[in-house]
Structure formats: structure tokens, C-alpha cells
N, C-alpha and C. Protein backbone atom coordinates (compact mmCIF):
# COMPACT_ATOMS: atom_id res chain seq x y z
N MET A 1 0.82 -1.18 0.00
CA MET A 1 0.00 0.00 0.00
C MET A 1 0.87 1.25 0.00
N ARG A 2 2.04 1.18 0.60
CA ARG A 2 2.91 2.36 0.61
C ARG A 2 3.39 2.68 -0.80
N VAL A 3 3.77 1.70 -1.57
CA VAL A 3 4.21 1.95 -2.94
C VAL A 3 3.07 2.54 -3.75
N VAL A 4 1.89 1.97 -3.60
CA VAL A 4 0.73 2.46 -4.34
C VAL A 4 0.36 3.87 -3.90
N SER A 5 0.55 4.18 -2.63
CA SER A 5 0.09 5.46 -2.11
C SER A 5 1.03 6.63 -2.37
N ALA A 6 2.30 6.39 -2.50
CA ALA A 6 3.22 7.53 -2.49
C ALA A 6 4.19 7.60 -3.65
N TYR A 7 4.28 6.59 -4.42
CA TYR A 7 5.29 6.58 -5.47
C TYR A 7 4.64 6.44 -6.83
N ASP A 8 5.27 7.00 -7.81
CA ASP A 8 4.78 6.90 -9.17
C ASP A 8 5.26 5.59 -9.79
N VAL A 9 4.80 4.51 -9.20
CA VAL A 9 5.17 3.18 -9.66
C VAL A 9 3.93 2.57 -10.30
N PRO A 10 4.02 2.20 -11.56
CA PRO A 10 2.83 1.63 -12.19
C PRO A 10 2.56 0.22 -11.64
N VAL A 11 1.40 0.06 -11.04
CA VAL A 11 0.95 -1.25 -10.59
C VAL A 11 -0.42 -1.51 -11.20
N ARG A 12 -0.68 -2.76 -11.48
CA ARG A 12 -1.97 -3.11 -12.07
C ARG A 12 -3.03 -3.32 -10.99
N SER A 13 -2.60 -3.73 -9.81
CA SER A 13 -3.51 -3.95 -8.69
C SER A 13 -2.71 -4.07 -7.41
N TRP A 14 -3.42 -4.09 -6.30
CA TRP A 14 -2.78 -4.26 -5.00
C TRP A 14 -3.74 -5.01 -4.07
N VAL A 15 -3.16 -5.65 -3.04
CA VAL A 15 -3.94 -6.39 -2.05
C VAL A 15 -3.32 -6.12 -0.68
N SER A 16 -4.18 -5.95 0.33
CA SER A 16 -3.71 -5.78 1.70
C SER A 16 -4.60 -6.57 2.64
N ASP A 17 -3.99 -7.11 3.68
CA ASP A 17 -4.78 -7.77 4.73
C ASP A 17 -4.64 -7.02 6.05
N VAL A 18 -4.07 -5.85 6.02
CA VAL A 18 -3.93 -5.04 7.24
C VAL A 18 -4.28 -3.58 6.94
N ALA A 19 -5.31 -3.37 6.14
CA ALA A 19 -5.70 -2.01 5.77
C ALA A 19 -6.10 -1.18 6.99
N HIS A 20 -6.58 -1.84 8.04
CA HIS A 20 -6.99 -1.12 9.26
C HIS A 20 -5.87 -0.24 9.80
N GLY A 21 -4.63 -0.63 9.61
CA GLY A 21 -3.50 0.15 10.11
C GLY A 21 -3.37 1.51 9.42
N TRP A 22 -4.03 1.66 8.29
CA TRP A 22 -4.01 2.92 7.54
C TRP A 22 -5.17 3.83 7.92
N HIS A 23 -5.98 3.43 8.87
CA HIS A 23 -7.12 4.23 9.30
C HIS A 23 -6.66 5.22 10.37
N PRO A 24 -7.14 6.48 10.31
CA PRO A 24 -6.68 7.46 11.31
C PRO A 24 -7.08 7.11 12.74
N ASP A 25 -8.08 6.28 12.93
CA ASP A 25 -8.52 5.91 14.29
C ASP A 25 -7.90 4.61 14.79
N TYR A 26 -7.02 4.00 14.01
CA TYR A 26 -6.44 2.72 14.41
C TYR A 26 -5.55 2.90 15.64
N ARG A 27 -5.66 1.94 16.54
CA ARG A 27 -4.78 1.88 17.71
C ARG A 27 -4.16 0.50 17.73
N TRP A 28 -2.85 0.45 17.95
CA TRP A 28 -2.12 -0.82 17.93
C TRP A 28 -2.63 -1.77 19.00
N HIS A 29 -2.53 -3.06 18.70
CA HIS A 29 -2.88 -4.11 19.65
C HIS A 29 -1.83 -4.15 20.76
N GLU A 30 -2.17 -4.84 21.84
CA GLU A 30 -1.32 -4.84 23.05
C GLU A 30 0.10 -5.32 22.79
N ALA A 31 0.28 -6.34 21.95
CA ALA A 31 1.63 -6.85 21.68
C ALA A 31 2.46 -5.78 20.97
N ALA A 32 1.86 -5.09 20.00
CA ALA A 32 2.59 -4.06 19.27
C ALA A 32 3.00 -2.92 20.20
N VAL A 33 2.13 -2.56 21.12
CA VAL A 33 2.45 -1.48 22.06
C VAL A 33 3.67 -1.86 22.89
N ILE A 34 3.76 -3.10 23.31
CA ILE A 34 4.93 -3.55 24.07
C ILE A 34 6.17 -3.51 23.18
N PHE A 35 6.06 -4.03 21.94
CA PHE A 35 7.20 -4.04 21.03
C PHE A 35 7.70 -2.62 20.74
N GLN A 36 6.82 -1.65 20.77
CA GLN A 36 7.20 -0.27 20.45
C GLN A 36 7.93 0.41 21.60
N GLN A 37 7.89 -0.16 22.78
CA GLN A 37 8.51 0.46 23.95
C GLN A 37 9.90 -0.12 24.19
N SER A 38 10.81 0.75 24.59
CA SER A 38 12.15 0.32 24.94
C SER A 38 12.37 0.66 26.41
N PRO A 39 12.85 -0.26 27.20
CA PRO A 39 13.41 -1.57 26.89
C PRO A 39 12.40 -2.72 26.95
N GLN A 40 11.10 -2.43 27.16
CA GLN A 40 10.12 -3.50 27.34
C GLN A 40 10.07 -4.47 26.16
N GLY A 41 10.13 -3.95 24.94
CA GLY A 41 10.09 -4.82 23.75
C GLY A 41 11.29 -5.75 23.71
N GLU A 42 12.48 -5.20 23.95
CA GLU A 42 13.69 -6.02 23.95
C GLU A 42 13.62 -7.09 25.03
N GLU A 43 13.17 -6.68 26.22
CA GLU A 43 13.11 -7.63 27.34
C GLU A 43 12.11 -8.74 27.07
N LEU A 44 10.94 -8.39 26.52
CA LEU A 44 9.95 -9.42 26.24
C LEU A 44 10.47 -10.42 25.21
N LEU A 45 10.99 -9.92 24.09
CA LEU A 45 11.47 -10.83 23.05
C LEU A 45 12.67 -11.66 23.53
N ALA A 46 13.54 -11.08 24.34
CA ALA A 46 14.66 -11.85 24.88
C ALA A 46 14.13 -12.98 25.78
N SER A 47 13.09 -12.68 26.56
CA SER A 47 12.54 -13.72 27.45
C SER A 47 11.88 -14.83 26.64
N LEU A 48 11.43 -14.54 25.44
CA LEU A 48 10.77 -15.54 24.59
C LEU A 48 11.76 -16.34 23.77
N ARG A 49 13.06 -16.01 23.87
CA ARG A 49 14.11 -16.76 23.18
C ARG A 49 14.79 -17.78 24.08
N THR A 50 14.38 -17.90 25.31
CA THR A 50 15.05 -18.83 26.22
C THR A 50 14.77 -20.27 25.81
N ASP A 51 15.68 -21.15 26.14
CA ASP A 51 15.54 -22.56 25.83
C ASP A 51 14.95 -23.36 26.99
N SER A 52 14.58 -22.69 28.04
CA SER A 52 14.05 -23.37 29.21
C SER A 52 12.65 -23.91 28.93
N PRO A 53 12.39 -25.16 29.26
CA PRO A 53 11.06 -25.71 29.04
C PRO A 53 9.99 -25.05 29.90
N ASP A 54 10.41 -24.37 30.97
CA ASP A 54 9.46 -23.70 31.85
C ASP A 54 9.13 -22.28 31.39
N SER A 55 9.87 -21.77 30.41
CA SER A 55 9.66 -20.41 29.93
C SER A 55 8.85 -20.43 28.64
N PRO A 56 7.94 -19.46 28.48
CA PRO A 56 7.19 -19.40 27.22
C PRO A 56 8.10 -19.00 26.06
N SER A 57 7.73 -19.44 24.88
CA SER A 57 8.48 -19.10 23.67
C SER A 57 7.70 -18.04 22.89
N PHE A 58 8.30 -17.54 21.81
CA PHE A 58 7.63 -16.58 20.94
C PHE A 58 6.38 -17.23 20.35
N GLY A 59 6.48 -18.48 19.97
CA GLY A 59 5.32 -19.20 19.46
C GLY A 59 4.21 -19.28 20.50
N ASP A 60 4.58 -19.53 21.77
CA ASP A 60 3.58 -19.55 22.84
C ASP A 60 2.90 -18.19 22.98
N PHE A 61 3.67 -17.13 22.80
CA PHE A 61 3.15 -15.77 22.88
C PHE A 61 2.16 -15.49 21.74
N LEU A 62 2.44 -16.05 20.55
CA LEU A 62 1.62 -15.77 19.38
C LEU A 62 0.40 -16.68 19.25
N ARG A 63 0.43 -17.86 19.85
CA ARG A 63 -0.69 -18.81 19.70
C ARG A 63 -2.02 -18.23 20.14
N PRO A 64 -2.14 -17.54 21.29
CA PRO A 64 -3.44 -16.97 21.66
C PRO A 64 -3.89 -15.86 20.70
N ARG A 65 -2.98 -15.40 19.87
CA ARG A 65 -3.29 -14.34 18.91
C ARG A 65 -3.61 -14.93 17.53
N GLY A 66 -3.80 -16.25 17.48
CA GLY A 66 -4.27 -16.89 16.25
C GLY A 66 -3.28 -17.78 15.52
N MET A 67 -2.05 -17.88 16.00
CA MET A 67 -1.06 -18.72 15.32
C MET A 67 -1.28 -20.18 15.68
N SER A 68 -1.19 -21.04 14.68
CA SER A 68 -1.35 -22.47 14.92
C SER A 68 -0.15 -23.03 15.68
N ALA A 69 -0.34 -24.17 16.33
CA ALA A 69 0.75 -24.83 17.06
C ALA A 69 1.88 -25.19 16.11
N GLU A 70 1.54 -25.66 14.91
CA GLU A 70 2.56 -26.05 13.94
C GLU A 70 3.41 -24.84 13.52
N LEU A 71 2.75 -23.73 13.18
CA LEU A 71 3.50 -22.53 12.79
C LEU A 71 4.30 -21.98 13.97
N ALA A 72 3.74 -22.05 15.17
CA ALA A 72 4.45 -21.57 16.36
C ALA A 72 5.75 -22.34 16.55
N THR A 73 5.73 -23.63 16.31
CA THR A 73 6.95 -24.45 16.41
C THR A 73 7.98 -24.00 15.38
N GLU A 74 7.52 -23.70 14.17
CA GLU A 74 8.44 -23.23 13.13
C GLU A 74 9.03 -21.87 13.49
N VAL A 75 8.20 -20.98 14.04
CA VAL A 75 8.68 -19.66 14.45
C VAL A 75 9.72 -19.81 15.55
N ASP A 76 9.45 -20.67 16.51
CA ASP A 76 10.40 -20.86 17.61
C ASP A 76 11.76 -21.36 17.11
N ALA A 77 11.74 -22.16 16.05
CA ALA A 77 12.99 -22.71 15.52
C ALA A 77 13.88 -21.63 14.91
N VAL A 78 13.30 -20.52 14.48
CA VAL A 78 14.10 -19.47 13.83
C VAL A 78 14.15 -18.16 14.63
N HIS A 79 13.46 -18.13 15.77
CA HIS A 79 13.45 -16.89 16.54
C HIS A 79 14.80 -16.68 17.23
N ASP A 80 15.52 -15.70 16.73
CA ASP A 80 16.82 -15.36 17.28
C ASP A 80 16.88 -13.84 17.48
N GLU A 81 18.06 -13.33 17.84
CA GLU A 81 18.20 -11.89 18.07
C GLU A 81 17.93 -11.08 16.81
N VAL A 82 18.29 -11.61 15.65
CA VAL A 82 18.05 -10.90 14.39
C VAL A 82 16.55 -10.78 14.14
N MET A 83 15.82 -11.85 14.36
CA MET A 83 14.36 -11.80 14.18
C MET A 83 13.73 -10.83 15.18
N SER A 84 14.17 -10.88 16.42
CA SER A 84 13.66 -9.95 17.42
C SER A 84 13.90 -8.51 16.99
N ALA A 85 15.10 -8.22 16.50
CA ALA A 85 15.41 -6.86 16.05
C ALA A 85 14.50 -6.45 14.89
N ALA A 86 14.20 -7.38 13.99
CA ALA A 86 13.32 -7.07 12.87
C ALA A 86 11.90 -6.77 13.35
N VAL A 87 11.41 -7.54 14.32
CA VAL A 87 10.07 -7.31 14.88
C VAL A 87 10.01 -5.92 15.51
N LEU A 88 11.02 -5.60 16.31
CA LEU A 88 11.04 -4.29 16.97
C LEU A 88 11.13 -3.15 15.96
N ALA A 89 11.97 -3.31 14.95
CA ALA A 89 12.11 -2.25 13.92
C ALA A 89 10.80 -2.04 13.17
N LEU A 90 10.13 -3.13 12.83
CA LEU A 90 8.86 -3.02 12.12
C LEU A 90 7.84 -2.23 12.93
N TYR A 91 7.60 -2.65 14.16
CA TYR A 91 6.57 -1.98 14.96
C TYR A 91 6.96 -0.56 15.35
N ARG A 92 8.23 -0.31 15.53
CA ARG A 92 8.66 1.04 15.91
C ARG A 92 8.69 2.00 14.72
N SER A 93 8.64 1.45 13.51
CA SER A 93 8.65 2.32 12.33
C SER A 93 7.28 2.91 12.04
N ALA A 94 6.26 2.47 12.72
CA ALA A 94 4.90 2.89 12.41
C ALA A 94 4.17 3.36 13.66
N ARG A 95 4.71 4.39 14.28
CA ARG A 95 4.06 4.94 15.47
C ARG A 95 3.52 6.31 15.14
N PRO A 96 2.36 6.68 15.54
CA PRO A 96 1.42 5.88 16.30
C PRO A 96 0.70 4.82 15.44
N HIS A 97 0.66 5.03 14.12
CA HIS A 97 0.10 4.04 13.19
C HIS A 97 0.50 4.46 11.78
N LEU A 98 0.16 3.65 10.80
CA LEU A 98 0.59 3.92 9.42
C LEU A 98 -0.02 5.20 8.86
N HIS A 99 -1.23 5.51 9.25
CA HIS A 99 -1.89 6.70 8.72
C HIS A 99 -1.13 7.97 9.08
N ALA A 100 -0.56 8.00 10.28
CA ALA A 100 0.11 9.22 10.74
C ALA A 100 1.24 9.63 9.81
N ASP A 101 2.01 8.65 9.32
CA ASP A 101 3.12 8.96 8.44
C ASP A 101 2.75 8.94 6.97
N TRP A 102 1.97 7.96 6.57
CA TRP A 102 1.74 7.72 5.15
C TRP A 102 0.30 7.87 4.71
N GLY A 103 -0.63 7.62 5.58
CA GLY A 103 -2.04 7.56 5.18
C GLY A 103 -2.62 8.85 4.67
N ARG A 104 -2.09 9.97 5.14
CA ARG A 104 -2.62 11.26 4.68
C ARG A 104 -2.40 11.43 3.18
N GLU A 105 -1.36 10.80 2.65
CA GLU A 105 -1.07 10.88 1.22
C GLU A 105 -1.99 9.95 0.41
N PHE A 106 -2.74 9.13 1.10
CA PHE A 106 -3.52 8.08 0.47
C PHE A 106 -4.98 8.28 0.88
N ASP A 107 -5.55 9.41 0.48
CA ASP A 107 -6.85 9.79 1.02
C ASP A 107 -7.95 9.85 -0.02
N GLY A 108 -7.77 9.22 -1.13
CA GLY A 108 -8.82 9.19 -2.14
C GLY A 108 -8.75 7.87 -2.85
N PRO A 109 -9.45 7.78 -3.96
CA PRO A 109 -9.37 6.51 -4.69
C PRO A 109 -7.92 6.17 -5.04
N ALA A 110 -7.58 4.92 -4.85
CA ALA A 110 -6.23 4.45 -5.17
C ALA A 110 -6.01 4.53 -6.67
N PRO A 111 -4.78 4.72 -7.10
CA PRO A 111 -4.49 4.82 -8.53
C PRO A 111 -4.59 3.49 -9.27
N ALA A 112 -4.78 2.41 -8.54
CA ALA A 112 -4.92 1.08 -9.14
C ALA A 112 -5.99 0.33 -8.35
N PRO A 113 -6.67 -0.62 -8.98
CA PRO A 113 -7.69 -1.39 -8.26
C PRO A 113 -7.07 -2.17 -7.09
N GLY A 114 -7.82 -2.24 -6.00
CA GLY A 114 -7.32 -2.92 -4.82
C GLY A 114 -8.31 -3.88 -4.21
N LEU A 115 -7.77 -4.77 -3.41
CA LEU A 115 -8.56 -5.73 -2.66
C LEU A 115 -8.08 -5.69 -1.22
N VAL A 116 -9.01 -5.55 -0.29
CA VAL A 116 -8.70 -5.62 1.13
C VAL A 116 -9.28 -6.92 1.66
N LEU A 117 -8.38 -7.80 2.07
CA LEU A 117 -8.78 -9.05 2.72
C LEU A 117 -9.04 -8.76 4.19
N VAL A 118 -10.14 -9.31 4.70
CA VAL A 118 -10.54 -9.05 6.08
C VAL A 118 -10.67 -10.39 6.80
N PRO A 119 -9.58 -10.83 7.47
CA PRO A 119 -9.68 -12.07 8.25
C PRO A 119 -10.43 -11.80 9.54
N THR A 120 -11.69 -12.22 9.59
CA THR A 120 -12.58 -11.83 10.69
C THR A 120 -12.22 -12.44 12.04
N GLY A 121 -11.39 -13.48 12.06
CA GLY A 121 -10.99 -14.09 13.32
C GLY A 121 -9.70 -13.53 13.88
N ASP A 122 -9.17 -12.48 13.26
CA ASP A 122 -7.91 -11.89 13.70
C ASP A 122 -8.17 -11.02 14.92
N LEU A 123 -7.73 -11.47 16.08
CA LEU A 123 -7.96 -10.74 17.32
C LEU A 123 -7.24 -9.40 17.36
N MET A 124 -6.24 -9.23 16.50
CA MET A 124 -5.47 -7.98 16.50
C MET A 124 -5.99 -7.00 15.45
N ALA A 125 -6.93 -7.42 14.62
CA ALA A 125 -7.41 -6.58 13.51
C ALA A 125 -8.64 -5.79 13.92
N ARG A 126 -9.03 -4.92 13.04
CA ARG A 126 -10.23 -4.11 13.22
C ARG A 126 -11.01 -4.16 11.91
N PRO A 127 -11.85 -5.20 11.71
CA PRO A 127 -12.55 -5.36 10.43
C PRO A 127 -13.35 -4.14 9.99
N ALA A 128 -14.00 -3.45 10.91
CA ALA A 128 -14.77 -2.25 10.52
C ALA A 128 -13.84 -1.20 9.89
N LEU A 129 -12.65 -1.06 10.45
CA LEU A 129 -11.70 -0.10 9.89
C LEU A 129 -11.19 -0.56 8.53
N ASP A 130 -10.99 -1.88 8.36
CA ASP A 130 -10.60 -2.41 7.05
C ASP A 130 -11.63 -2.01 6.00
N HIS A 131 -12.90 -2.17 6.32
CA HIS A 131 -13.96 -1.83 5.37
C HIS A 131 -13.99 -0.33 5.07
N GLU A 132 -13.77 0.50 6.08
CA GLU A 132 -13.75 1.95 5.86
C GLU A 132 -12.58 2.37 4.96
N VAL A 133 -11.41 1.81 5.20
CA VAL A 133 -10.25 2.13 4.36
C VAL A 133 -10.49 1.67 2.93
N ALA A 134 -11.03 0.47 2.77
CA ALA A 134 -11.33 -0.03 1.43
C ALA A 134 -12.30 0.90 0.70
N ALA A 135 -13.33 1.33 1.39
CA ALA A 135 -14.31 2.22 0.76
C ALA A 135 -13.65 3.54 0.35
N ARG A 136 -12.82 4.09 1.22
CA ARG A 136 -12.13 5.35 0.92
C ARG A 136 -11.23 5.22 -0.30
N LEU A 137 -10.62 4.03 -0.47
CA LEU A 137 -9.69 3.82 -1.57
C LEU A 137 -10.35 3.24 -2.82
N GLY A 138 -11.65 2.98 -2.74
CA GLY A 138 -12.34 2.39 -3.88
C GLY A 138 -11.96 0.94 -4.11
N ALA A 139 -11.57 0.25 -3.05
CA ALA A 139 -11.13 -1.14 -3.16
C ALA A 139 -12.27 -2.09 -2.83
N ARG A 140 -12.18 -3.29 -3.36
CA ARG A 140 -13.09 -4.36 -2.99
C ARG A 140 -12.67 -4.91 -1.64
N THR A 141 -13.59 -5.56 -0.96
CA THR A 141 -13.25 -6.28 0.27
C THR A 141 -13.70 -7.73 0.12
N GLU A 142 -12.98 -8.58 0.80
CA GLU A 142 -13.40 -9.98 0.89
C GLU A 142 -13.09 -10.46 2.29
N GLU A 143 -14.13 -10.88 2.98
CA GLU A 143 -13.95 -11.39 4.34
C GLU A 143 -13.50 -12.85 4.29
N LEU A 144 -12.53 -13.14 5.10
CA LEU A 144 -12.05 -14.51 5.30
C LEU A 144 -12.56 -14.95 6.67
N ASP A 145 -13.83 -15.36 6.68
CA ASP A 145 -14.51 -15.67 7.93
C ASP A 145 -13.77 -16.70 8.76
N GLY A 146 -13.55 -16.33 10.03
CA GLY A 146 -12.95 -17.24 10.98
C GLY A 146 -11.44 -17.36 10.90
N LEU A 147 -10.82 -16.77 9.89
CA LEU A 147 -9.37 -16.87 9.78
C LEU A 147 -8.71 -15.71 10.53
N THR A 148 -7.45 -15.89 10.88
CA THR A 148 -6.72 -14.91 11.68
C THR A 148 -5.65 -14.23 10.83
N HIS A 149 -4.79 -13.53 11.50
CA HIS A 149 -3.64 -12.85 10.89
C HIS A 149 -2.78 -13.82 10.08
N TYR A 150 -2.88 -15.08 10.41
CA TYR A 150 -2.09 -16.12 9.77
C TYR A 150 -2.92 -16.91 8.75
N TRP A 151 -3.88 -16.24 8.11
CA TRP A 151 -4.80 -16.87 7.17
C TRP A 151 -4.09 -17.62 6.06
N MET A 152 -2.95 -17.13 5.63
CA MET A 152 -2.27 -17.74 4.48
C MET A 152 -1.71 -19.13 4.78
N VAL A 153 -1.52 -19.45 6.06
CA VAL A 153 -1.11 -20.80 6.41
C VAL A 153 -2.26 -21.60 7.02
N GLN A 154 -3.27 -20.91 7.54
CA GLN A 154 -4.44 -21.60 8.08
C GLN A 154 -5.26 -22.24 6.96
N ASP A 155 -5.49 -21.49 5.91
CA ASP A 155 -6.31 -21.99 4.80
C ASP A 155 -5.78 -21.38 3.50
N PRO A 156 -4.62 -21.87 3.04
CA PRO A 156 -4.02 -21.28 1.84
C PRO A 156 -4.91 -21.40 0.61
N ASP A 157 -5.72 -22.44 0.53
CA ASP A 157 -6.61 -22.58 -0.63
C ASP A 157 -7.65 -21.47 -0.67
N ARG A 158 -8.25 -21.18 0.49
CA ARG A 158 -9.26 -20.11 0.52
C ARG A 158 -8.63 -18.76 0.21
N GLY A 159 -7.46 -18.51 0.74
CA GLY A 159 -6.76 -17.26 0.43
C GLY A 159 -6.42 -17.16 -1.05
N ALA A 160 -5.92 -18.24 -1.63
CA ALA A 160 -5.59 -18.25 -3.06
C ALA A 160 -6.82 -18.03 -3.91
N GLU A 161 -7.94 -18.64 -3.52
CA GLU A 161 -9.19 -18.45 -4.28
C GLU A 161 -9.63 -16.99 -4.26
N ALA A 162 -9.50 -16.34 -3.12
CA ALA A 162 -9.87 -14.92 -3.03
C ALA A 162 -8.99 -14.08 -3.95
N LEU A 163 -7.71 -14.34 -3.92
CA LEU A 163 -6.79 -13.60 -4.79
C LEU A 163 -7.07 -13.88 -6.26
N GLU A 164 -7.29 -15.13 -6.59
CA GLU A 164 -7.55 -15.48 -7.99
C GLU A 164 -8.85 -14.85 -8.49
N ARG A 165 -9.90 -14.80 -7.65
CA ARG A 165 -11.15 -14.14 -8.04
C ARG A 165 -10.91 -12.66 -8.34
N PHE A 166 -10.13 -12.02 -7.49
CA PHE A 166 -9.84 -10.60 -7.67
C PHE A 166 -9.07 -10.40 -8.97
N TRP A 167 -8.03 -11.17 -9.19
CA TRP A 167 -7.23 -11.00 -10.42
C TRP A 167 -8.01 -11.37 -11.67
N ALA A 168 -8.88 -12.37 -11.57
CA ALA A 168 -9.69 -12.74 -12.73
C ALA A 168 -10.65 -11.60 -13.09
N ALA A 169 -11.23 -10.97 -12.07
CA ALA A 169 -12.11 -9.83 -12.33
C ALA A 169 -11.34 -8.68 -12.97
N ARG A 170 -10.11 -8.51 -12.56
CA ARG A 170 -9.26 -7.45 -13.15
C ARG A 170 -8.96 -7.77 -14.61
N ALA A 171 -8.70 -9.02 -14.91
CA ALA A 171 -8.35 -9.43 -16.27
C ALA A 171 -9.52 -9.25 -17.23
N SER A 172 -10.74 -9.40 -16.70
CA SER A 172 -11.90 -9.25 -17.57
C SER A 172 -12.44 -7.83 -17.62
N ALA A 173 -11.86 -6.94 -16.82
CA ALA A 173 -12.34 -5.54 -16.77
C ALA A 173 -11.79 -4.72 -17.94
């Protein structure tokens, strides 16, 4: 969405599953707020890198937020200091939210057709805000009922079908 919103880059279409972050009323979820604080973010992620069986892992932290046990195990296998630094940099680059820095430049119909995916089971998302941002940008929406932030691994077929429907409609337009 940033490329589409601010740069003269020709794109035929765009898709977002976190359009709510571009809404002026968006407020970060509790995990993001912790990651944005120093030293709290560093301390939390360091505590989630321990190898102790009695200590929670990053995957354990993410599971109540919609991550599957299988994906959590994969995340734990690669969660190191570099990954922690990337998580902190990402969340700290968008304070108080994406709209504050970039969204003001993206306040009318998008220059290319868009699709906003709305995973309705995402505890960290704000579906109503996704719909408002889509309407403001002239984008289509498609709800992924019951799926979370990790929809692409929860039900890759349903996600692929949504994308293919959008692109097929673009091809026939």
C-alpha cells in the first residue's frame, strides 16, 4: 500500500490484509504497544528466546493471537536476536500508526484497483476499519470468515481463491 500510495510506480492492482492500520482511528494491539517500547520490547522478546522448558516461547506468545501450534513451532525454531530486532524495527517504524506517516497521502481513490482481505478471526485486527479504508480507496473487500492474521497458512486454498477471483475480475475488466 505504501508503494501504491506515495510513489509513481505503475501497478496493475494491490492487495492488503492489514488495511486497518491505515485508518486514522487505528490503535495498535497490546503486543505491538509492548514491542514499540524500549526496553520493554527487547526484554519481552529476549525472554521468549530462552531454551528453558518452563519459559514461554515466541510461538507460545503468538498462539493466543491466532497462530497455529505447527507454525508456532516453526517460528520458535528461527526466533533469534536478528528476528527480534526485525520485529522491533517493524513496529517502531509505524508509530502511532501507518496513517500518521503515510495515510494522509492516500486519502482518495487508489491509482490502481485494490482488494482488502478481512480475516474476521484476527484478534489484532479491526474489520470495521478495514472496510472503511477499502471504501475510501475504492477497493473491494473480501472477508475470510474465521481466519486470523495467519490466514495464508491456516487456509491457503481459501486465500488463493480470493486472490484469484480478484485478479480474474481485473483481467476481464
